[in-house]
């Protein structure tokens, strides 16, 4: 982890696997850039892959590169979902669903507090 103290919500999401409330994150600038892990600065997503899913959380059709994120099965809350976490520091990011746009058909539904924006 970087030498940065996480906010209470950043810690709850990234370290405890909690979820921020829908529509609670102000979003990111509409500028071209990358979204990095708030814990370790690993590059995770590109703004070019972001789309408005209407879900209340930032959504991406794919990670910025193949090794950016890792996944595992999540059986919490009585559901079977696929959890997404940072491949570098294992911070919880959100979940991936199979209802996204072509060509991947995937929707990476990510907690905004787990990400930090860097303009390119």
C-alpha atoms as a PDB file:
ATOM      1  CA  UNK A   1       0.000   0.000   0.000  1.00  0.00           C
ATOM      2  CA  UNK A   2       1.140   3.541  -0.715  1.00  0.00           C
ATOM      3  CA  UNK A   3       2.043   5.851   2.112  1.00  0.00           C
ATOM      4  CA  UNK A   4      -1.502   7.294   2.130  1.00  0.00           C
ATOM      5  CA  UNK A   5      -4.075   6.940   4.851  1.00  0.00           C
ATOM      6  CA  UNK A   6      -7.323   5.592   3.468  1.00  0.00           C
ATOM      7  CA  UNK A   7     -10.576   7.294   4.318  1.00  0.00           C
ATOM      8  CA  UNK A   8     -13.069   5.307   6.376  1.00  0.00           C
ATOM      9  CA  UNK A   9     -15.085   4.413   3.236  1.00  0.00           C
ATOM     10  CA  UNK A  10     -11.980   3.556   1.161  1.00  0.00           C
ATOM     11  CA  UNK A  11     -10.857   1.201   3.936  1.00  0.00           C
ATOM     12  CA  UNK A  12     -14.314  -0.381   4.315  1.00  0.00           C
ATOM     13  CA  UNK A  13     -14.534  -1.062   0.571  1.00  0.00           C
ATOM     14  CA  UNK A  14     -10.969  -2.059  -0.311  1.00  0.00           C
ATOM     15  CA  UNK A  15      -9.998  -3.916   2.863  1.00  0.00           C
ATOM     16  CA  UNK A  16     -13.309  -5.246   4.200  1.00  0.00           C
ATOM     17  CA  UNK A  17     -15.112  -5.908   0.917  1.00  0.00           C
ATOM     18  CA  UNK A  18     -17.982  -3.536   1.609  1.00  0.00           C
ATOM     19  CA  UNK A  19     -19.858  -1.582  -1.073  1.00  0.00           C
ATOM     20  CA  UNK A  20     -20.354   2.163  -1.282  1.00  0.00           C
ATOM     21  CA  UNK A  21     -23.974   3.261  -1.674  1.00  0.00           C
ATOM     22  CA  UNK A  22     -25.170   3.525  -5.294  1.00  0.00           C
ATOM     23  CA  UNK A  23     -24.935   7.003  -6.845  1.00  0.00           C
ATOM     24  CA  UNK A  24     -22.797   8.181  -3.907  1.00  0.00           C
ATOM     25  CA  UNK A  25     -19.570   8.686  -5.854  1.00  0.00           C
ATOM     26  CA  UNK A  26     -19.297  11.969  -7.775  1.00  0.00           C
ATOM     27  CA  UNK A  27     -17.693  10.203 -10.733  1.00  0.00           C
ATOM     28  CA  UNK A  28     -14.536  11.085 -12.601  1.00  0.00           C
ATOM     29  CA  UNK A  29     -13.607  13.861 -15.019  1.00  0.00           C
ATOM     30  CA  UNK A  30     -14.657  13.333 -18.635  1.00  0.00           C
ATOM     31  CA  UNK A  31     -11.008  13.775 -19.620  1.00  0.00           C
ATOM     32  CA  UNK A  32      -8.942  10.946 -21.052  1.00  0.00           C
ATOM     33  CA  UNK A  33      -7.096   9.050 -18.364  1.00  0.00           C
ATOM     34  CA  UNK A  34      -6.617   5.969 -16.261  1.00  0.00           C
ATOM     35  CA  UNK A  35      -8.222   4.813 -13.052  1.00  0.00           C
ATOM     36  CA  UNK A  36      -5.741   3.446 -10.552  1.00  0.00           C
ATOM     37  CA  UNK A  37      -6.065   1.488  -7.339  1.00  0.00           C
ATOM     38  CA  UNK A  38      -6.480   3.890  -4.418  1.00  0.00           C
ATOM     39  CA  UNK A  39      -4.285   1.601  -2.299  1.00  0.00           C
ATOM     40  CA  UNK A  40      -1.281   0.821  -4.520  1.00  0.00           C
ATOM     41  CA  UNK A  41      -1.657   2.932  -7.720  1.00  0.00           C
ATOM     42  CA  UNK A  42      -1.834  -0.124  -9.968  1.00  0.00           C
ATOM     43  CA  UNK A  43      -3.442   0.940 -13.273  1.00  0.00           C
ATOM     44  CA  UNK A  44      -6.820  -0.803 -13.441  1.00  0.00           C
ATOM     45  CA  UNK A  45      -9.149   0.803 -15.998  1.00  0.00           C
ATOM     46  CA  UNK A  46      -9.089   3.356 -18.799  1.00  0.00           C
ATOM     47  CA  UNK A  47     -11.694   6.067 -19.264  1.00  0.00           C
ATOM     48  CA  UNK A  48     -12.067   4.814 -22.846  1.00  0.00           C
ATOM     49  CA  UNK A  49     -13.686   1.637 -21.452  1.00  0.00           C
ATOM     50  CA  UNK A  50     -16.048   3.474 -19.058  1.00  0.00           C
ATOM     51  CA  UNK A  51     -19.782   3.525 -19.782  1.00  0.00           C
ATOM     52  CA  UNK A  52     -22.955   4.585 -18.000  1.00  0.00           C
ATOM     53  CA  UNK A  53     -24.674   1.390 -16.886  1.00  0.00           C
ATOM     54  CA  UNK A  54     -27.305   3.197 -14.829  1.00  0.00           C
ATOM     55  CA  UNK A  55     -26.312   0.987 -11.879  1.00  0.00           C
ATOM     56  CA  UNK A  56     -25.059   3.800  -9.643  1.00  0.00           C
ATOM     57  CA  UNK A  57     -21.419   2.668  -9.730  1.00  0.00           C
ATOM     58  CA  UNK A  58     -18.646   3.354 -12.252  1.00  0.00           C
ATOM     59  CA  UNK A  59     -18.798   0.670 -14.954  1.00  0.00           C
ATOM     60  CA  UNK A  60     -16.161  -0.495 -17.411  1.00  0.00           C
ATOM     61  CA  UNK A  61     -16.312  -3.001 -20.269  1.00  0.00           C
ATOM     62  CA  UNK A  62     -12.801  -4.302 -19.568  1.00  0.00           C
ATOM     63  CA  UNK A  63      -9.701  -3.631 -17.463  1.00  0.00           C
ATOM     64  CA  UNK A  64      -6.926  -1.485 -18.944  1.00  0.00           C
ATOM     65  CA  UNK A  65      -4.739  -4.566 -19.425  1.00  0.00           C
ATOM     66  CA  UNK A  66      -5.133  -8.316 -18.967  1.00  0.00           C
ATOM     67  CA  UNK A  67      -3.256  -8.523 -15.673  1.00  0.00           C
ATOM     68  CA  UNK A  68      -4.733  -5.388 -14.029  1.00  0.00           C
ATOM     69  CA  UNK A  69      -7.396  -7.183 -11.994  1.00  0.00           C
ATOM     70  CA  UNK A  70      -8.050 -10.660 -10.690  1.00  0.00           C
ATOM     71  CA  UNK A  71     -11.342 -12.334  -9.850  1.00  0.00           C
ATOM     72  CA  UNK A  72     -12.734 -14.908  -7.470  1.00  0.00           C
ATOM     73  CA  UNK A  73     -16.140 -16.360  -6.660  1.00  0.00           C
ATOM     74  CA  UNK A  74     -18.041 -14.428  -3.984  1.00  0.00           C
ATOM     75  CA  UNK A  75     -20.892 -16.159  -2.112  1.00  0.00           C
ATOM     76  CA  UNK A  76     -21.703 -13.249   0.225  1.00  0.00           C
ATOM     77  CA  UNK A  77     -25.229 -11.904   0.735  1.00  0.00           C
ATOM     78  CA  UNK A  78     -26.777 -15.202  -0.410  1.00  0.00           C
ATOM     79  CA  UNK A  79     -25.651 -14.679  -4.011  1.00  0.00           C
ATOM     80  CA  UNK A  80     -23.028 -16.143  -6.301  1.00  0.00           C
ATOM     81  CA  UNK A  81     -21.054 -13.301  -7.894  1.00  0.00           C
ATOM     82  CA  UNK A  82     -17.592 -12.738  -9.296  1.00  0.00           C
ATOM     83  CA  UNK A  83     -15.545 -10.382  -7.133  1.00  0.00           C
ATOM     84  CA  UNK A  84     -12.962  -8.128  -8.772  1.00  0.00           C
ATOM     85  CA  UNK A  85      -9.821  -7.159  -6.881  1.00  0.00           C
ATOM     86  CA  UNK A  86      -6.536  -5.422  -7.657  1.00  0.00           C
ATOM     87  CA  UNK A  87      -4.044  -7.952  -8.955  1.00  0.00           C
ATOM     88  CA  UNK A  88      -1.177  -6.150  -7.215  1.00  0.00           C
ATOM     89  CA  UNK A  89      -2.449  -5.554  -3.652  1.00  0.00           C
ATOM     90  CA  UNK A  90      -5.687  -7.606  -3.584  1.00  0.00           C
ATOM     91  CA  UNK A  91      -7.854  -4.574  -2.674  1.00  0.00           C
ATOM     92  CA  UNK A  92     -11.557  -5.275  -3.212  1.00  0.00           C
ATOM     93  CA  UNK A  93     -12.863  -3.221  -6.153  1.00  0.00           C
ATOM     94  CA  UNK A  94     -16.337  -4.534  -6.936  1.00  0.00           C
ATOM     95  CA  UNK A  95     -17.883  -7.250  -9.112  1.00  0.00           C
ATOM     96  CA  UNK A  96     -18.085  -8.224 -12.776  1.00  0.00           C
ATOM     97  CA  UNK A  97     -21.358  -9.179 -14.463  1.00  0.00           C
ATOM     98  CA  UNK A  98     -22.216 -10.624 -17.871  1.00  0.00           C
ATOM     99  CA  UNK A  99     -24.592  -7.836 -18.903  1.00  0.00           C
ATOM    100  CA  UNK A 100     -22.166  -5.330 -20.420  1.00  0.00           C
ATOM    101  CA  UNK A 101     -21.726  -3.956 -23.924  1.00  0.00           C
ATOM    102  CA  UNK A 102     -20.149  -5.755 -26.886  1.00  0.00           C
ATOM    103  CA  UNK A 103     -17.617  -7.017 -27.634  1.00  0.00           C
ATOM    104  CA  UNK A 104     -16.787  -8.317 -24.117  1.00  0.00           C
ATOM    105  CA  UNK A 105     -20.357  -8.489 -22.822  1.00  0.00           C
ATOM    106  CA  UNK A 106     -18.928  -7.729 -19.385  1.00  0.00           C
ATOM    107  CA  UNK A 107     -19.721  -4.976 -16.892  1.00  0.00           C
ATOM    108  CA  UNK A 108     -17.035  -4.333 -14.320  1.00  0.00           C
ATOM    109  CA  UNK A 109     -19.112  -2.647 -11.611  1.00  0.00           C
ATOM    110  CA  UNK A 110     -16.517  -0.882  -9.470  1.00  0.00           C
ATOM    111  CA  UNK A 111     -16.713   1.128  -6.260  1.00  0.00           C
ATOM    112  CA  UNK A 112     -15.647   4.677  -7.091  1.00  0.00           C
ATOM    113  CA  UNK A 113     -13.792   5.102  -3.783  1.00  0.00           C
ATOM    114  CA  UNK A 114     -11.479   2.221  -4.759  1.00  0.00           C
ATOM    115  CA  UNK A 115     -10.223   4.223  -7.739  1.00  0.00           C
ATOM    116  CA  UNK A 116      -8.223   7.387  -8.266  1.00  0.00           C
ATOM    117  CA  UNK A 117      -8.113   9.242 -11.579  1.00  0.00           C
ATOM    118  CA  UNK A 118      -4.922  10.138 -13.450  1.00  0.00           C
ATOM    119  CA  UNK A 119      -5.209  12.250 -16.571  1.00  0.00           C
ATOM    120  CA  UNK A 120      -3.187  11.153 -19.613  1.00  0.00           C
END
